[in-house]
């Protein structure tokens, strides 16, 4: 999942990276945290499509 990996200018998506880090600190295995983060991304995409509003990082 490329949204959680570090790039030269920071993380691709800091919201997803924070959620992934939260799951890891809860003691979840890496693959479980990635699936949970993927589900979060799907919920974000669904919300964007349903509301027809752009993604707001500070929402």
PDB file of N, CA and C in Angstrom:
ATOM      1  N   UNK A   1       0.851  -1.167   0.000  1.00  0.00           N
ATOM      2  CA  UNK A   1       0.000   0.000   0.000  1.00  0.00           C
ATOM      3  C   UNK A   1       0.899   1.233   0.000  1.00  0.00           C
ATOM      4  N   UNK A   2       0.894   1.950  -1.079  1.00  0.00           N
ATOM      5  CA  UNK A   2       1.838   3.039  -1.261  1.00  0.00           C
ATOM      6  C   UNK A   2       1.509   4.265  -0.428  1.00  0.00           C
ATOM      7  N   UNK A   3       0.325   4.375   0.102  1.00  0.00           N
ATOM      8  CA  UNK A   3      -0.053   5.547   0.884  1.00  0.00           C
ATOM      9  C   UNK A   3       0.654   5.666   2.214  1.00  0.00           C
ATOM     10  N   UNK A   4       1.231   4.577   2.700  1.00  0.00           N
ATOM     11  CA  UNK A   4       1.857   4.623   4.018  1.00  0.00           C
ATOM     12  C   UNK A   4       3.376   4.650   3.953  1.00  0.00           C
ATOM     13  N   UNK A   5       3.951   4.546   2.767  1.00  0.00           N
ATOM     14  CA  UNK A   5       5.402   4.509   2.645  1.00  0.00           C
ATOM     15  C   UNK A   5       5.991   5.909   2.583  1.00  0.00           C
ATOM     16  N   UNK A   6       7.205   6.020   3.038  1.00  0.00           N
ATOM     17  CA  UNK A   6       7.902   7.306   3.063  1.00  0.00           C
ATOM     18  C   UNK A   6       8.462   7.631   1.681  1.00  0.00           C
ATOM     19  N   UNK A   7       8.288   8.866   1.300  1.00  0.00           N
ATOM     20  CA  UNK A   7       8.854   9.372   0.056  1.00  0.00           C
ATOM     21  C   UNK A   7       9.882  10.432   0.393  1.00  0.00           C
ATOM     22  N   UNK A   8      10.526  10.980  -0.594  1.00  0.00           N
ATOM     23  CA  UNK A   8      11.577  11.965  -0.350  1.00  0.00           C
ATOM     24  C   UNK A   8      11.039  13.232   0.323  1.00  0.00           C
ATOM     25  N   UNK A   9       9.784  13.563   0.084  1.00  0.00           N
ATOM     26  CA  UNK A   9       9.193  14.771   0.672  1.00  0.00           C
ATOM     27  C   UNK A   9       8.210  14.458   1.800  1.00  0.00           C
ATOM     28  N   UNK A  10       8.308  13.292   2.408  1.00  0.00           N
ATOM     29  CA  UNK A  10       7.411  12.912   3.494  1.00  0.00           C
ATOM     30  C   UNK A  10       6.554  11.722   3.091  1.00  0.00           C
ATOM     31  N   UNK A  11       5.574  11.437   3.901  1.00  0.00           N
ATOM     32  CA  UNK A  11       4.698  10.311   3.611  1.00  0.00           C
ATOM     33  C   UNK A  11       3.715  10.676   2.505  1.00  0.00           C
ATOM     34  N   UNK A  12       3.341   9.676   1.734  1.00  0.00           N
ATOM     35  CA  UNK A  12       2.408   9.903   0.629  1.00  0.00           C
ATOM     36  C   UNK A  12       1.066  10.401   1.151  1.00  0.00           C
ATOM     37  N   UNK A  13       0.593   9.830   2.248  1.00  0.00           N
ATOM     38  CA  UNK A  13      -0.661  10.251   2.865  1.00  0.00           C
ATOM     39  C   UNK A  13      -0.482  10.194   4.378  1.00  0.00           C
ATOM     40  N   UNK A  14      -0.275  11.332   5.028  1.00  0.00           N
ATOM     41  CA  UNK A  14      -0.024  11.323   6.465  1.00  0.00           C
ATOM     42  C   UNK A  14      -1.192  10.800   7.290  1.00  0.00           C
ATOM     43  N   UNK A  15      -2.417  10.937   6.797  1.00  0.00           N
ATOM     44  CA  UNK A  15      -3.583  10.428   7.520  1.00  0.00           C
ATOM     45  C   UNK A  15      -3.527   8.904   7.578  1.00  0.00           C
ATOM     46  N   UNK A  16      -3.258   8.278   6.446  1.00  0.00           N
ATOM     47  CA  UNK A  16      -3.175   6.825   6.417  1.00  0.00           C
ATOM     48  C   UNK A  16      -1.975   6.324   7.209  1.00  0.00           C
ATOM     49  N   UNK A  17      -0.856   7.039   7.138  1.00  0.00           N
ATOM     50  CA  UNK A  17       0.334   6.615   7.880  1.00  0.00           C
ATOM     51  C   UNK A  17       0.083   6.687   9.388  1.00  0.00           C
ATOM     52  N   UNK A  18      -0.599   7.735   9.841  1.00  0.00           N
ATOM     53  CA  UNK A  18      -0.914   7.857  11.267  1.00  0.00           C
ATOM     54  C   UNK A  18      -1.827   6.716  11.716  1.00  0.00           C
ATOM     55  N   UNK A  19      -2.791   6.357  10.877  1.00  0.00           N
ATOM     56  CA  UNK A  19      -3.703   5.258  11.213  1.00  0.00           C
ATOM     57  C   UNK A  19      -2.942   3.928  11.257  1.00  0.00           C
ATOM     58  N   UNK A  20      -2.045   3.724  10.302  1.00  0.00           N
ATOM     59  CA  UNK A  20      -1.223   2.513  10.277  1.00  0.00           C
ATOM     60  C   UNK A  20      -0.346   2.435  11.526  1.00  0.00           C
ATOM     61  N   UNK A  21       0.301   3.532  11.872  1.00  0.00           N
ATOM     62  CA  UNK A  21       1.145   3.563  13.071  1.00  0.00           C
ATOM     63  C   UNK A  21       0.338   3.292  14.331  1.00  0.00           C
ATOM     64  N   UNK A  22      -0.888   3.804  14.381  1.00  0.00           N
ATOM     65  CA  UNK A  22      -1.771   3.563  15.529  1.00  0.00           C
ATOM     66  C   UNK A  22      -2.061   2.073  15.674  1.00  0.00           C
ATOM     67  N   UNK A  23      -2.346   1.416  14.569  1.00  0.00           N
ATOM     68  CA  UNK A  23      -2.631  -0.022  14.604  1.00  0.00           C
ATOM     69  C   UNK A  23      -1.404  -0.827  15.027  1.00  0.00           C
ATOM     70  N   UNK A  24      -0.232  -0.418  14.569  1.00  0.00           N
ATOM     71  CA  UNK A  24       1.002  -1.101  14.950  1.00  0.00           C
ATOM     72  C   UNK A  24       1.248  -0.935  16.451  1.00  0.00           C
ATOM     73  N   UNK A  25       1.021   0.268  16.982  1.00  0.00           N
ATOM     74  CA  UNK A  25       1.237   0.477  18.414  1.00  0.00           C
ATOM     75  C   UNK A  25       0.198  -0.255  19.256  1.00  0.00           C
ATOM     76  N   UNK A  26      -0.949  -0.580  18.673  1.00  0.00           N
ATOM     77  CA  UNK A  26      -1.949  -1.392  19.369  1.00  0.00           C
ATOM     78  C   UNK A  26      -1.541  -2.858  19.431  1.00  0.00           C
ATOM     79  N   UNK A  27      -0.451  -3.201  18.743  1.00  0.00           N
ATOM     80  CA  UNK A  27       0.044  -4.568  18.777  1.00  0.00           C
ATOM     81  C   UNK A  27      -0.414  -5.434  17.620  1.00  0.00           C
ATOM     82  N   UNK A  28      -1.010  -4.828  16.609  1.00  0.00           N
ATOM     83  CA  UNK A  28      -1.463  -5.594  15.449  1.00  0.00           C
ATOM     84  C   UNK A  28      -0.269  -5.987  14.587  1.00  0.00           C
ATOM     85  N   UNK A  29      -0.312  -7.156  13.983  1.00  0.00           N
ATOM     86  CA  UNK A  29       0.739  -7.523  13.024  1.00  0.00           C
ATOM     87  C   UNK A  29       0.699  -6.592  11.808  1.00  0.00           C
ATOM     88  N   UNK A  30       1.808  -6.507  11.108  1.00  0.00           N
ATOM     89  CA  UNK A  30       1.928  -5.587   9.987  1.00  0.00           C
ATOM     90  C   UNK A  30       0.860  -5.819   8.918  1.00  0.00           C
ATOM     91  N   UNK A  31       0.625  -7.063   8.565  1.00  0.00           N
ATOM     92  CA  UNK A  31      -0.366  -7.346   7.515  1.00  0.00           C
ATOM     93  C   UNK A  31      -1.781  -6.975   7.956  1.00  0.00           C
ATOM     94  N   UNK A  32      -2.094  -7.168   9.215  1.00  0.00           N
ATOM     95  CA  UNK A  32      -3.413  -6.790   9.737  1.00  0.00           C
ATOM     96  C   UNK A  32      -3.555  -5.268   9.714  1.00  0.00           C
ATOM     97  N   UNK A  33      -2.489  -4.559  10.075  1.00  0.00           N
ATOM     98  CA  UNK A  33      -2.521  -3.095  10.052  1.00  0.00           C
ATOM     99  C   UNK A  33      -2.682  -2.575   8.627  1.00  0.00           C
ATOM    100  N   UNK A  34      -2.048  -3.227   7.664  1.00  0.00           N
ATOM    101  CA  UNK A  34      -2.188  -2.812   6.267  1.00  0.00           C
ATOM    102  C   UNK A  34      -3.618  -3.013   5.776  1.00  0.00           C
ATOM    103  N   UNK A  35      -4.232  -4.127   6.124  1.00  0.00           N
ATOM    104  CA  UNK A  35      -5.627  -4.374   5.724  1.00  0.00           C
ATOM    105  C   UNK A  35      -6.560  -3.366   6.374  1.00  0.00           C
ATOM    106  N   UNK A  36      -6.337  -3.062   7.651  1.00  0.00           N
ATOM    107  CA  UNK A  36      -7.163  -2.062   8.334  1.00  0.00           C
ATOM    108  C   UNK A  36      -7.000  -0.689   7.675  1.00  0.00           C
ATOM    109  N   UNK A  37      -5.780  -0.360   7.292  1.00  0.00           N
ATOM    110  CA  UNK A  37      -5.524   0.913   6.617  1.00  0.00           C
ATOM    111  C   UNK A  37      -6.170   0.930   5.233  1.00  0.00           C
ATOM    112  N   UNK A  38      -6.147  -0.196   4.547  1.00  0.00           N
ATOM    113  CA  UNK A  38      -6.817  -0.290   3.243  1.00  0.00           C
ATOM    114  C   UNK A  38      -8.315  -0.079   3.386  1.00  0.00           C
ATOM    115  N   UNK A  39      -8.903  -0.662   4.417  1.00  0.00           N
ATOM    116  CA  UNK A  39     -10.335  -0.467   4.668  1.00  0.00           C
ATOM    117  C   UNK A  39     -10.633   0.998   4.970  1.00  0.00           C
ATOM    118  N   UNK A  40      -9.760   1.647   5.720  1.00  0.00           N
ATOM    119  CA  UNK A  40      -9.929   3.076   6.014  1.00  0.00           C
ATOM    120  C   UNK A  40      -9.886   3.889   4.714  1.00  0.00           C
ATOM    121  N   UNK A  41      -8.952   3.554   3.834  1.00  0.00           N
ATOM    122  CA  UNK A  41      -8.856   4.243   2.555  1.00  0.00           C
ATOM    123  C   UNK A  41     -10.137   4.059   1.738  1.00  0.00           C
ATOM    124  N   UNK A  42     -10.680   2.865   1.738  1.00  0.00           N
ATOM    125  CA  UNK A  42     -11.935   2.622   1.015  1.00  0.00           C
ATOM    126  C   UNK A  42     -13.077   3.449   1.588  1.00  0.00           C
ATOM    127  N   UNK A  43     -13.127   3.588   2.912  1.00  0.00           N
ATOM    128  CA  UNK A  43     -14.180   4.411   3.532  1.00  0.00           C
ATOM    129  C   UNK A  43     -14.002   5.882   3.170  1.00  0.00           C
ATOM    130  N   UNK A  44     -12.746   6.346   3.102  1.00  0.00           N
ATOM    131  CA  UNK A  44     -12.483   7.729   2.696  1.00  0.00           C
ATOM    132  C   UNK A  44     -12.930   7.947   1.253  1.00  0.00           C
ATOM    133  N   UNK A  45     -12.580   7.013   0.371  1.00  0.00           N
ATOM    134  CA  UNK A  45     -12.971   7.125  -1.047  1.00  0.00           C
ATOM    135  C   UNK A  45     -14.483   7.127  -1.189  1.00  0.00           C
ATOM    136  N   UNK A  46     -15.154   6.254  -0.458  1.00  0.00           N
ATOM    137  CA  UNK A  46     -16.618   6.200  -0.523  1.00  0.00           C
ATOM    138  C   UNK A  46     -17.219   7.525  -0.059  1.00  0.00           C
ATOM    139  N   UNK A  47     -16.690   8.088   1.012  1.00  0.00           N
ATOM    140  CA  UNK A  47     -17.198   9.364   1.512  1.00  0.00           C
ATOM    141  C   UNK A  47     -17.006  10.490   0.515  1.00  0.00           C
ATOM    142  N   UNK A  48     -15.861  10.487  -0.165  1.00  0.00           N
ATOM    143  CA  UNK A  48     -15.600  11.506  -1.183  1.00  0.00           C
ATOM    144  C   UNK A  48     -16.584  11.367  -2.338  1.00  0.00           C
ATOM    145  N   UNK A  49     -16.803  10.140  -2.788  1.00  0.00           N
ATOM    146  CA  UNK A  49     -17.719   9.922  -3.908  1.00  0.00           C
ATOM    147  C   UNK A  49     -19.161  10.241  -3.536  1.00  0.00           C
ATOM    148  N   UNK A  50     -19.558   9.887  -2.328  1.00  0.00           N
ATOM    149  CA  UNK A  50     -20.937  10.112  -1.910  1.00  0.00           C
ATOM    150  C   UNK A  50     -21.239  11.593  -1.705  1.00  0.00           C
ATOM    151  N   UNK A  51     -20.282  12.325  -1.125  1.00  0.00           N
ATOM    152  CA  UNK A  51     -20.530  13.737  -0.825  1.00  0.00           C
ATOM    153  C   UNK A  51     -20.148  14.673  -1.968  1.00  0.00           C
ATOM    154  N   UNK A  52     -19.406  14.183  -2.933  1.00  0.00           N
ATOM    155  CA  UNK A  52     -18.917  14.986  -4.063  1.00  0.00           C
ATOM    156  C   UNK A  52     -18.060  16.161  -3.608  1.00  0.00           C
ATOM    157  N   UNK A  53     -17.395  16.006  -2.462  1.00  0.00           N
ATOM    158  CA  UNK A  53     -16.486  17.035  -1.958  1.00  0.00           C
ATOM    159  C   UNK A  53     -15.063  16.507  -2.037  1.00  0.00           C
ATOM    160  N   UNK A  54     -14.104  17.372  -2.266  1.00  0.00           N
ATOM    161  CA  UNK A  54     -12.716  16.916  -2.322  1.00  0.00           C
ATOM    162  C   UNK A  54     -12.217  16.499  -0.947  1.00  0.00           C
ATOM    163  N   UNK A  55     -11.185  15.689  -0.934  1.00  0.00           N
ATOM    164  CA  UNK A  55     -10.587  15.232   0.316  1.00  0.00           C
ATOM    165  C   UNK A  55      -9.959  16.399   1.042  1.00  0.00           C
ATOM    166  N   UNK A  56     -10.292  16.555   2.318  1.00  0.00           N
ATOM    167  CA  UNK A  56      -9.734  17.612   3.140  1.00  0.00           C
ATOM    168  C   UNK A  56      -8.889  16.973   4.232  1.00  0.00           C
ATOM    169  N   UNK A  57      -7.598  17.194   4.171  1.00  0.00           N
ATOM    170  CA  UNK A  57      -6.667  16.611   5.120  1.00  0.00           C
ATOM    171  C   UNK A  57      -6.949  17.062   6.544  1.00  0.00           C
ATOM    172  N   UNK A  58      -7.477  18.256   6.718  1.00  0.00           N
ATOM    173  CA  UNK A  58      -7.720  18.827   8.053  1.00  0.00           C
ATOM    174  C   UNK A  58      -9.141  18.647   8.553  1.00  0.00           C
ATOM    175  N   UNK A  59      -9.938  17.828   7.889  1.00  0.00           N
ATOM    176  CA  UNK A  59     -11.335  17.645   8.293  1.00  0.00           C
ATOM    177  C   UNK A  59     -11.440  16.886   9.568  1.00  0.00           C
TER     178      UNK A  59
END
